[in-house]
């Protein structure tokens, strides 16, 4: 099953522009290759008020980790 990706408007407007292009592409690739296809295999389910959403860790050279939330 392929999930439809929907980004929060704040992510597009304020978070993504702060990340350099190389790391932004890495994050986008990880989301599209992992969370969009099998979130339960690669992501970690969130709890409480964010139940139903998933977190994915993407390790990068400068940024230690990045939490990406799949909203849908």
C-alpha atoms as a PDB file:
ATOM      1  CA  UNK A   1       0.000   0.000   0.000  1.00  0.00           C
ATOM      2  CA  UNK A   2       1.345   3.427  -0.921  1.00  0.00           C
ATOM      3  CA  UNK A   3       0.459   6.286   1.409  1.00  0.00           C
ATOM      4  CA  UNK A   4      -0.309   9.797   0.231  1.00  0.00           C
ATOM      5  CA  UNK A   5       2.217  12.303   1.588  1.00  0.00           C
ATOM      6  CA  UNK A   6       0.987  15.598   2.952  1.00  0.00           C
ATOM      7  CA  UNK A   7       3.389  18.127   4.451  1.00  0.00           C
ATOM      8  CA  UNK A   8       2.352  20.629   7.094  1.00  0.00           C
ATOM      9  CA  UNK A   9       2.426  24.189   5.663  1.00  0.00           C
ATOM     10  CA  UNK A  10       4.990  25.293   8.283  1.00  0.00           C
ATOM     11  CA  UNK A  11       7.369  22.586   7.092  1.00  0.00           C
ATOM     12  CA  UNK A  12       7.329  23.941   3.552  1.00  0.00           C
ATOM     13  CA  UNK A  13       7.446  27.572   4.597  1.00  0.00           C
ATOM     14  CA  UNK A  14       9.950  27.649   7.456  1.00  0.00           C
ATOM     15  CA  UNK A  15      11.650  24.286   8.100  1.00  0.00           C
ATOM     16  CA  UNK A  16      12.722  23.080   4.654  1.00  0.00           C
ATOM     17  CA  UNK A  17      14.330  26.360   3.513  1.00  0.00           C
ATOM     18  CA  UNK A  18      16.679  26.205   6.535  1.00  0.00           C
ATOM     19  CA  UNK A  19      18.140  22.863   5.394  1.00  0.00           C
ATOM     20  CA  UNK A  20      20.766  22.802   2.658  1.00  0.00           C
ATOM     21  CA  UNK A  21      19.770  21.216  -0.665  1.00  0.00           C
ATOM     22  CA  UNK A  22      21.804  18.013  -0.243  1.00  0.00           C
ATOM     23  CA  UNK A  23      20.299  17.158   3.145  1.00  0.00           C
ATOM     24  CA  UNK A  24      16.838  18.279   2.046  1.00  0.00           C
ATOM     25  CA  UNK A  25      17.012  15.811  -0.858  1.00  0.00           C
ATOM     26  CA  UNK A  26      18.189  13.078   1.530  1.00  0.00           C
ATOM     27  CA  UNK A  27      15.230  13.689   3.836  1.00  0.00           C
ATOM     28  CA  UNK A  28      12.773  13.807   0.939  1.00  0.00           C
ATOM     29  CA  UNK A  29      14.186  10.555  -0.459  1.00  0.00           C
ATOM     30  CA  UNK A  30      13.930   8.818   2.907  1.00  0.00           C
ATOM     31  CA  UNK A  31      10.321   9.891   3.287  1.00  0.00           C
ATOM     32  CA  UNK A  32       9.336   8.818  -0.214  1.00  0.00           C
ATOM     33  CA  UNK A  33      11.252   5.529  -0.160  1.00  0.00           C
ATOM     34  CA  UNK A  34      10.431   4.469   3.382  1.00  0.00           C
ATOM     35  CA  UNK A  35       7.487   6.175   5.035  1.00  0.00           C
ATOM     36  CA  UNK A  36       5.308   6.458   1.945  1.00  0.00           C
ATOM     37  CA  UNK A  37       5.566   2.730   1.291  1.00  0.00           C
ATOM     38  CA  UNK A  38       6.051   0.984   4.658  1.00  0.00           C
ATOM     39  CA  UNK A  39       5.869   3.360   7.639  1.00  0.00           C
ATOM     40  CA  UNK A  40       5.483   0.488  10.093  1.00  0.00           C
ATOM     41  CA  UNK A  41       8.783  -1.068   8.962  1.00  0.00           C
ATOM     42  CA  UNK A  42      10.943   2.082   8.973  1.00  0.00           C
ATOM     43  CA  UNK A  43       9.183   4.644  11.109  1.00  0.00           C
ATOM     44  CA  UNK A  44       8.287   4.767  14.749  1.00  0.00           C
ATOM     45  CA  UNK A  45       4.634   5.377  15.640  1.00  0.00           C
ATOM     46  CA  UNK A  46       4.025   8.481  17.705  1.00  0.00           C
ATOM     47  CA  UNK A  47       1.859   8.484  20.813  1.00  0.00           C
ATOM     48  CA  UNK A  48      -0.729  10.531  22.635  1.00  0.00           C
ATOM     49  CA  UNK A  49      -1.954  13.572  20.675  1.00  0.00           C
ATOM     50  CA  UNK A  50       0.135  12.562  17.620  1.00  0.00           C
ATOM     51  CA  UNK A  51      -1.176   8.998  17.516  1.00  0.00           C
ATOM     52  CA  UNK A  52      -1.608   7.914  13.901  1.00  0.00           C
ATOM     53  CA  UNK A  53       1.505   9.786  12.761  1.00  0.00           C
ATOM     54  CA  UNK A  54       4.995   8.358  12.234  1.00  0.00           C
ATOM     55  CA  UNK A  55       8.542   9.525  12.960  1.00  0.00           C
ATOM     56  CA  UNK A  56      11.547   8.716  10.788  1.00  0.00           C
ATOM     57  CA  UNK A  57      15.175   9.301  11.759  1.00  0.00           C
ATOM     58  CA  UNK A  58      17.497  10.391   8.994  1.00  0.00           C
ATOM     59  CA  UNK A  59      21.164  10.475   9.973  1.00  0.00           C
ATOM     60  CA  UNK A  60      23.232  13.188   8.317  1.00  0.00           C
ATOM     61  CA  UNK A  61      26.749  14.540   8.681  1.00  0.00           C
ATOM     62  CA  UNK A  62      25.958  17.906  10.283  1.00  0.00           C
ATOM     63  CA  UNK A  63      22.467  17.379  11.546  1.00  0.00           C
ATOM     64  CA  UNK A  64      22.500  14.522  14.031  1.00  0.00           C
ATOM     65  CA  UNK A  65      18.913  13.512  13.386  1.00  0.00           C
ATOM     66  CA  UNK A  66      15.814  14.873  11.842  1.00  0.00           C
ATOM     67  CA  UNK A  67      12.320  13.946  12.869  1.00  0.00           C
ATOM     68  CA  UNK A  68       9.995  13.752   9.929  1.00  0.00           C
ATOM     69  CA  UNK A  69       6.313  13.428  10.635  1.00  0.00           C
ATOM     70  CA  UNK A  70       4.059  11.710   8.148  1.00  0.00           C
ATOM     71  CA  UNK A  71       0.676  13.293   8.466  1.00  0.00           C
ATOM     72  CA  UNK A  72      -2.204  11.514   6.934  1.00  0.00           C
END
